[in-house]
Amino acid sequence: MAKTKKELGLDSMGVQKSMRLTDYLGDGLGQLPLNIMSCLVGQLTYFYTEKVGLAAGMVATMLLIAKVFDAF
């Protein structure tokens, strides 16, 4: 027997729901690594510009070269 999914229904404002709780959790778990990497790049940029004293353009070029090198 095939198990059919239950109808989602309407939310408290009368709008049709489009996602289940598991969909929200799965989406959140997918966004977590993206946010961690964005935070790390921001901290590296701050460190290299404020503490080491490199220009922002140089830091951006260095990170771009590292990303391109990592892609290959």
PDB file of N, CA and C in Angstrom:
ATOM      1  N   MET A   1       0.829  -1.187   0.000  1.00  0.00           N
ATOM      2  CA  MET A   1       0.000   0.000   0.000  1.00  0.00           C
ATOM      3  C   MET A   1       0.869   1.244   0.000  1.00  0.00           C
ATOM      4  N   ALA A   2       0.526   2.158  -0.846  1.00  0.00           N
ATOM      5  CA  ALA A   2       1.251   3.428  -0.907  1.00  0.00           C
ATOM      6  C   ALA A   2       0.701   4.364   0.152  1.00  0.00           C
ATOM      7  N   LYS A   3       1.618   4.960   0.883  1.00  0.00           N
ATOM      8  CA  LYS A   3       1.216   5.893   1.929  1.00  0.00           C
ATOM      9  C   LYS A   3       1.081   7.274   1.309  1.00  0.00           C
ATOM     10  N   THR A   4      -0.103   7.860   1.413  1.00  0.00           N
ATOM     11  CA  THR A   4      -0.314   9.196   0.857  1.00  0.00           C
ATOM     12  C   THR A   4      -0.053  10.235   1.939  1.00  0.00           C
ATOM     13  N   LYS A   5       0.499  11.361   1.505  1.00  0.00           N
ATOM     14  CA  LYS A   5       0.783  12.438   2.451  1.00  0.00           C
ATOM     15  C   LYS A   5      -0.496  13.190   2.777  1.00  0.00           C
ATOM     16  N   LYS A   6      -0.574  13.617   4.025  1.00  0.00           N
ATOM     17  CA  LYS A   6      -1.735  14.346   4.492  1.00  0.00           C
ATOM     18  C   LYS A   6      -1.767  15.745   3.869  1.00  0.00           C
ATOM     19  N   GLU A   7      -2.959  16.244   3.617  1.00  0.00           N
ATOM     20  CA  GLU A   7      -3.147  17.591   3.084  1.00  0.00           C
ATOM     21  C   GLU A   7      -2.542  18.607   4.049  1.00  0.00           C
ATOM     22  N   LEU A   8      -1.876  19.632   3.523  1.00  0.00           N
ATOM     23  CA  LEU A   8      -1.223  20.618   4.375  1.00  0.00           C
ATOM     24  C   LEU A   8      -2.213  21.570   5.039  1.00  0.00           C
ATOM     25  N   GLY A   9      -3.217  21.983   4.326  1.00  0.00           N
ATOM     26  CA  GLY A   9      -4.224  22.855   4.904  1.00  0.00           C
ATOM     27  C   GLY A   9      -3.828  24.316   4.851  1.00  0.00           C
ATOM     28  N   LEU A  10      -4.486  25.118   5.686  1.00  0.00           N
ATOM     29  CA  LEU A  10      -4.288  26.558   5.716  1.00  0.00           C
ATOM     30  C   LEU A  10      -3.594  26.963   7.006  1.00  0.00           C
ATOM     31  N   ASP A  11      -2.863  28.084   6.951  1.00  0.00           N
ATOM     32  CA  ASP A  11      -2.253  28.589   8.182  1.00  0.00           C
ATOM     33  C   ASP A  11      -3.253  29.469   8.928  1.00  0.00           C
ATOM     34  N   SER A  12      -2.809  30.157   9.975  1.00  0.00           N
ATOM     35  CA  SER A  12      -3.718  30.936  10.821  1.00  0.00           C
ATOM     36  C   SER A  12      -4.309  32.143  10.094  1.00  0.00           C
ATOM     37  N   MET A  13      -3.687  32.579   8.996  1.00  0.00           N
ATOM     38  CA  MET A  13      -4.201  33.725   8.244  1.00  0.00           C
ATOM     39  C   MET A  13      -4.992  33.301   7.011  1.00  0.00           C
ATOM     40  N   GLY A  14      -5.188  32.013   6.825  1.00  0.00           N
ATOM     41  CA  GLY A  14      -5.978  31.504   5.723  1.00  0.00           C
ATOM     42  C   GLY A  14      -5.199  31.286   4.442  1.00  0.00           C
ATOM     43  N   VAL A  15      -3.862  31.311   4.518  1.00  0.00           N
ATOM     44  CA  VAL A  15      -3.024  31.101   3.337  1.00  0.00           C
ATOM     45  C   VAL A  15      -2.650  29.625   3.248  1.00  0.00           C
ATOM     46  N   GLN A  16      -2.671  29.083   2.020  1.00  0.00           N
ATOM     47  CA  GLN A  16      -2.334  27.675   1.806  1.00  0.00           C
ATOM     48  C   GLN A  16      -0.883  27.410   2.201  1.00  0.00           C
ATOM     49  N   LYS A  17      -0.663  26.412   3.048  1.00  0.00           N
ATOM     50  CA  LYS A  17       0.690  26.032   3.432  1.00  0.00           C
ATOM     51  C   LYS A  17       1.362  25.309   2.274  1.00  0.00           C
ATOM     52  N   SER A  18       2.677  25.490   2.138  1.00  0.00           N
ATOM     53  CA  SER A  18       3.393  24.842   1.043  1.00  0.00           C
ATOM     54  C   SER A  18       4.536  23.956   1.526  1.00  0.00           C
ATOM     55  N   MET A  19       4.890  24.026   2.813  1.00  0.00           N
ATOM     56  CA  MET A  19       6.008  23.234   3.329  1.00  0.00           C
ATOM     57  C   MET A  19       5.619  22.578   4.647  1.00  0.00           C
ATOM     58  N   ARG A  20       6.191  21.415   4.863  1.00  0.00           N
ATOM     59  CA  ARG A  20       6.022  20.716   6.135  1.00  0.00           C
ATOM     60  C   ARG A  20       7.183  21.066   7.057  1.00  0.00           C
ATOM     61  N   LEU A  21       7.106  20.652   8.311  1.00  0.00           N
ATOM     62  CA  LEU A  21       8.170  20.919   9.270  1.00  0.00           C
ATOM     63  C   LEU A  21       9.475  20.282   8.818  1.00  0.00           C
ATOM     64  N   THR A  22       9.407  19.072   8.277  1.00  0.00           N
ATOM     65  CA  THR A  22      10.633  18.414   7.806  1.00  0.00           C
ATOM     66  C   THR A  22      11.265  19.176   6.641  1.00  0.00           C
ATOM     67  N   ASP A  23      10.440  19.834   5.819  1.00  0.00           N
ATOM     68  CA  ASP A  23      10.975  20.656   4.726  1.00  0.00           C
ATOM     69  C   ASP A  23      11.738  21.853   5.291  1.00  0.00           C
ATOM     70  N   TYR A  24      11.192  22.484   6.312  1.00  0.00           N
ATOM     71  CA  TYR A  24      11.868  23.619   6.945  1.00  0.00           C
ATOM     72  C   TYR A  24      13.179  23.177   7.598  1.00  0.00           C
ATOM     73  N   LEU A  25      13.157  22.036   8.253  1.00  0.00           N
ATOM     74  CA  LEU A  25      14.382  21.540   8.891  1.00  0.00           C
ATOM     75  C   LEU A  25      15.441  21.181   7.856  1.00  0.00           C
ATOM     76  N   GLY A  26      15.038  20.551   6.768  1.00  0.00           N
ATOM     77  CA  GLY A  26      15.978  20.210   5.706  1.00  0.00           C
ATOM     78  C   GLY A  26      16.572  21.450   5.058  1.00  0.00           C
ATOM     79  N   ASP A  27      15.757  22.464   4.839  1.00  0.00           N
ATOM     80  CA  ASP A  27      16.250  23.709   4.267  1.00  0.00           C
ATOM     81  C   ASP A  27      17.212  24.396   5.226  1.00  0.00           C
ATOM     82  N   GLY A  28      16.889  24.384   6.503  1.00  0.00           N
ATOM     83  CA  GLY A  28      17.774  24.989   7.501  1.00  0.00           C
ATOM     84  C   GLY A  28      19.113  24.285   7.594  1.00  0.00           C
ATOM     85  N   LEU A  29      19.104  22.957   7.496  1.00  0.00           N
ATOM     86  CA  LEU A  29      20.361  22.207   7.528  1.00  0.00           C
ATOM     87  C   LEU A  29      21.198  22.473   6.280  1.00  0.00           C
ATOM     88  N   GLY A  30      20.553  22.787   5.179  1.00  0.00           N
ATOM     89  CA  GLY A  30      21.287  23.133   3.974  1.00  0.00           C
ATOM     90  C   GLY A  30      21.871  24.535   4.024  1.00  0.00           C
ATOM     91  N   GLN A  31      21.213  25.440   4.738  1.00  0.00           N
ATOM     92  CA  GLN A  31      21.687  26.817   4.846  1.00  0.00           C
ATOM     93  C   GLN A  31      22.804  26.971   5.876  1.00  0.00           C
ATOM     94  N   LEU A  32      22.907  26.062   6.813  1.00  0.00           N
ATOM     95  CA  LEU A  32      23.900  26.161   7.883  1.00  0.00           C
ATOM     96  C   LEU A  32      25.335  26.223   7.365  1.00  0.00           C
ATOM     97  N   PRO A  33      25.772  25.314   6.480  1.00  0.00           N
ATOM     98  CA  PRO A  33      27.157  25.417   5.984  1.00  0.00           C
ATOM     99  C   PRO A  33      27.415  26.710   5.213  1.00  0.00           C
ATOM    100  N   LEU A  34      26.416  27.193   4.484  1.00  0.00           N
ATOM    101  CA  LEU A  34      26.570  28.446   3.746  1.00  0.00           C
ATOM    102  C   LEU A  34      26.820  29.610   4.708  1.00  0.00           C
ATOM    103  N   ASN A  35      26.083  29.659   5.795  1.00  0.00           N
ATOM    104  CA  ASN A  35      26.258  30.726   6.771  1.00  0.00           C
ATOM    105  C   ASN A  35      27.592  30.615   7.490  1.00  0.00           C
ATOM    106  N   ILE A  36      28.035  29.407   7.772  1.00  0.00           N
ATOM    107  CA  ILE A  36      29.332  29.220   8.430  1.00  0.00           C
ATOM    108  C   ILE A  36      30.452  29.708   7.519  1.00  0.00           C
ATOM    109  N   MET A  37      30.398  29.358   6.234  1.00  0.00           N
ATOM    110  CA  MET A  37      31.439  29.792   5.303  1.00  0.00           C
ATOM    111  C   MET A  37      31.421  31.305   5.116  1.00  0.00           C
ATOM    112  N   SER A  38      30.252  31.913   5.062  1.00  0.00           N
ATOM    113  CA  SER A  38      30.171  33.362   4.941  1.00  0.00           C
ATOM    114  C   SER A  38      30.779  34.048   6.153  1.00  0.00           C
ATOM    115  N   CYS A  39      30.541  33.504   7.319  1.00  0.00           N
ATOM    116  CA  CYS A  39      31.109  34.057   8.551  1.00  0.00           C
ATOM    117  C   CYS A  39      32.625  33.936   8.553  1.00  0.00           C
ATOM    118  N   LEU A  40      33.147  32.809   8.123  1.00  0.00           N
ATOM    119  CA  LEU A  40      34.593  32.617   8.086  1.00  0.00           C
ATOM    120  C   LEU A  40      35.269  33.557   7.098  1.00  0.00           C
ATOM    121  N   VAL A  41      34.663  33.764   5.928  1.00  0.00           N
ATOM    122  CA  VAL A  41      35.232  34.687   4.951  1.00  0.00           C
ATOM    123  C   VAL A  41      35.210  36.111   5.502  1.00  0.00           C
ATOM    124  N   GLY A  42      34.159  36.479   6.184  1.00  0.00           N
ATOM    125  CA  GLY A  42      34.094  37.804   6.793  1.00  0.00           C
ATOM    126  C   GLY A  42      35.156  37.998   7.861  1.00  0.00           C
ATOM    127  N   GLN A  43      35.388  36.992   8.678  1.00  0.00           N
ATOM    128  CA  GLN A  43      36.413  37.091   9.709  1.00  0.00           C
ATOM    129  C   GLN A  43      37.807  37.142   9.105  1.00  0.00           C
ATOM    130  N   LEU A  44      38.048  36.367   8.039  1.00  0.00           N
ATOM    131  CA  LEU A  44      39.345  36.424   7.361  1.00  0.00           C
ATOM    132  C   LEU A  44      39.582  37.799   6.743  1.00  0.00           C
ATOM    133  N   THR A  45      38.548  38.365   6.130  1.00  0.00           N
ATOM    134  CA  THR A  45      38.675  39.689   5.544  1.00  0.00           C
ATOM    135  C   THR A  45      38.992  40.728   6.605  1.00  0.00           C
ATOM    136  N   TYR A  46      38.304  40.670   7.728  1.00  0.00           N
ATOM    137  CA  TYR A  46      38.575  41.599   8.828  1.00  0.00           C
ATOM    138  C   TYR A  46      40.002  41.435   9.335  1.00  0.00           C
ATOM    139  N   PHE A  47      40.434  40.204   9.527  1.00  0.00           N
ATOM    140  CA  PHE A  47      41.772  39.952  10.049  1.00  0.00           C
ATOM    141  C   PHE A  47      42.846  40.508   9.114  1.00  0.00           C
ATOM    142  N   TYR A  48      42.719  40.205   7.810  1.00  0.00           N
ATOM    143  CA  TYR A  48      43.749  40.637   6.869  1.00  0.00           C
ATOM    144  C   TYR A  48      43.747  42.151   6.659  1.00  0.00           C
ATOM    145  N   THR A  49      42.586  42.809   6.727  1.00  0.00           N
ATOM    146  CA  THR A  49      42.566  44.255   6.501  1.00  0.00           C
ATOM    147  C   THR A  49      42.922  45.037   7.767  1.00  0.00           C
ATOM    148  N   GLU A  50      42.410  44.655   8.915  1.00  0.00           N
ATOM    149  CA  GLU A  50      42.615  45.437  10.132  1.00  0.00           C
ATOM    150  C   GLU A  50      43.863  45.041  10.903  1.00  0.00           C
ATOM    151  N   LYS A  51      44.141  43.777  11.021  1.00  0.00           N
ATOM    152  CA  LYS A  51      45.264  43.312  11.849  1.00  0.00           C
ATOM    153  C   LYS A  51      46.565  43.192  11.068  1.00  0.00           C
ATOM    154  N   VAL A  52      46.502  42.638   9.852  1.00  0.00           N
ATOM    155  CA  VAL A  52      47.708  42.459   9.052  1.00  0.00           C
ATOM    156  C   VAL A  52      48.032  43.739   8.286  1.00  0.00           C
ATOM    157  N   GLY A  53      47.002  44.483   7.872  1.00  0.00           N
ATOM    158  CA  GLY A  53      47.216  45.758   7.197  1.00  0.00           C
ATOM    159  C   GLY A  53      47.191  45.695   5.685  1.00  0.00           C
ATOM    160  N   LEU A  54      46.653  44.626   5.111  1.00  0.00           N
ATOM    161  CA  LEU A  54      46.552  44.528   3.657  1.00  0.00           C
ATOM    162  C   LEU A  54      45.379  45.366   3.150  1.00  0.00           C
ATOM    163  N   ALA A  55      45.463  45.802   1.901  1.00  0.00           N
ATOM    164  CA  ALA A  55      44.364  46.534   1.284  1.00  0.00           C
ATOM    165  C   ALA A  55      43.205  45.570   0.999  1.00  0.00           C
ATOM    166  N   ALA A  56      41.992  46.113   1.007  1.00  0.00           N
ATOM    167  CA  ALA A  56      40.809  45.276   0.794  1.00  0.00           C
ATOM    168  C   ALA A  56      40.826  44.616  -0.580  1.00  0.00           C
ATOM    169  N   GLY A  57      41.311  45.328  -1.599  1.00  0.00           N
ATOM    170  CA  GLY A  57      41.397  44.752  -2.940  1.00  0.00           C
ATOM    171  C   GLY A  57      42.361  43.578  -2.996  1.00  0.00           C
ATOM    172  N   MET A  58      43.457  43.698  -2.268  1.00  0.00           N
ATOM    173  CA  MET A  58      44.432  42.607  -2.226  1.00  0.00           C
ATOM    174  C   MET A  58      43.838  41.372  -1.547  1.00  0.00           C
ATOM    175  N   VAL A  59      43.099  41.593  -0.478  1.00  0.00           N
ATOM    176  CA  VAL A  59      42.460  40.480   0.231  1.00  0.00           C
ATOM    177  C   VAL A  59      41.435  39.812  -0.683  1.00  0.00           C
ATOM    178  N   ALA A  60      40.640  40.614  -1.403  1.00  0.00           N
ATOM    179  CA  ALA A  60      39.637  40.056  -2.312  1.00  0.00           C
ATOM    180  C   ALA A  60      40.295  39.248  -3.424  1.00  0.00           C
ATOM    181  N   THR A  61      41.402  39.766  -3.962  1.00  0.00           N
ATOM    182  CA  THR A  61      42.120  39.048  -5.016  1.00  0.00           C
ATOM    183  C   THR A  61      42.688  37.739  -4.487  1.00  0.00           C
ATOM    184  N   MET A  62      43.228  37.777  -3.279  1.00  0.00           N
ATOM    185  CA  MET A  62      43.792  36.573  -2.675  1.00  0.00           C
ATOM    186  C   MET A  62      42.709  35.509  -2.458  1.00  0.00           C
ATOM    187  N   LEU A  63      41.548  35.919  -1.957  1.00  0.00           N
ATOM    188  CA  LEU A  63      40.453  34.969  -1.731  1.00  0.00           C
ATOM    189  C   LEU A  63      39.908  34.434  -3.061  1.00  0.00           C
ATOM    190  N   LEU A  64      39.869  35.281  -4.095  1.00  0.00           N
ATOM    191  CA  LEU A  64      39.406  34.833  -5.409  1.00  0.00           C
ATOM    192  C   LEU A  64      40.349  33.789  -5.983  1.00  0.00           C
ATOM    193  N   ILE A  65      41.646  34.043  -5.909  1.00  0.00           N
ATOM    194  CA  ILE A  65      42.629  33.082  -6.414  1.00  0.00           C
ATOM    195  C   ILE A  65      42.535  31.765  -5.646  1.00  0.00           C
ATOM    196  N   ALA A  66      42.329  31.848  -4.344  1.00  0.00           N
ATOM    197  CA  ALA A  66      42.195  30.629  -3.536  1.00  0.00           C
ATOM    198  C   ALA A  66      40.948  29.842  -3.945  1.00  0.00           C
ATOM    199  N   LYS A  67      39.839  30.536  -4.225  1.00  0.00           N
ATOM    200  CA  LYS A  67      38.608  29.851  -4.638  1.00  0.00           C
ATOM    201  C   LYS A  67      38.767  29.195  -6.014  1.00  0.00           C
ATOM    202  N   VAL A  68      39.413  29.891  -6.940  1.00  0.00           N
ATOM    203  CA  VAL A  68      39.621  29.334  -8.273  1.00  0.00           C
ATOM    204  C   VAL A  68      40.549  28.127  -8.185  1.00  0.00           C
ATOM    205  N   PHE A  69      41.617  28.250  -7.415  1.00  0.00           N
ATOM    206  CA  PHE A  69      42.544  27.140  -7.229  1.00  0.00           C
ATOM    207  C   PHE A  69      41.841  25.943  -6.583  1.00  0.00           C
ATOM    208  N   ASP A  70      40.957  26.223  -5.634  1.00  0.00           N
ATOM    209  CA  ASP A  70      40.221  25.159  -4.942  1.00  0.00           C
ATOM    210  C   ASP A  70      39.236  24.459  -5.881  1.00  0.00           C
ATOM    211  N   ALA A  71      38.718  25.185  -6.861  1.00  0.00           N
ATOM    212  CA  ALA A  71      37.763  24.604  -7.801  1.00  0.00           C
ATOM    213  C   ALA A  71      38.416  23.527  -8.677  1.00  0.00           C
ATOM    214  N   PHE A  72      39.707  23.690  -8.922  1.00  0.00           N
ATOM    215  CA  PHE A  72      40.415  22.717  -9.746  1.00  0.00           C
ATOM    216  C   PHE A  72      41.112  21.704  -8.869  1.00  0.00           C
TER     217      PHE A  72
END
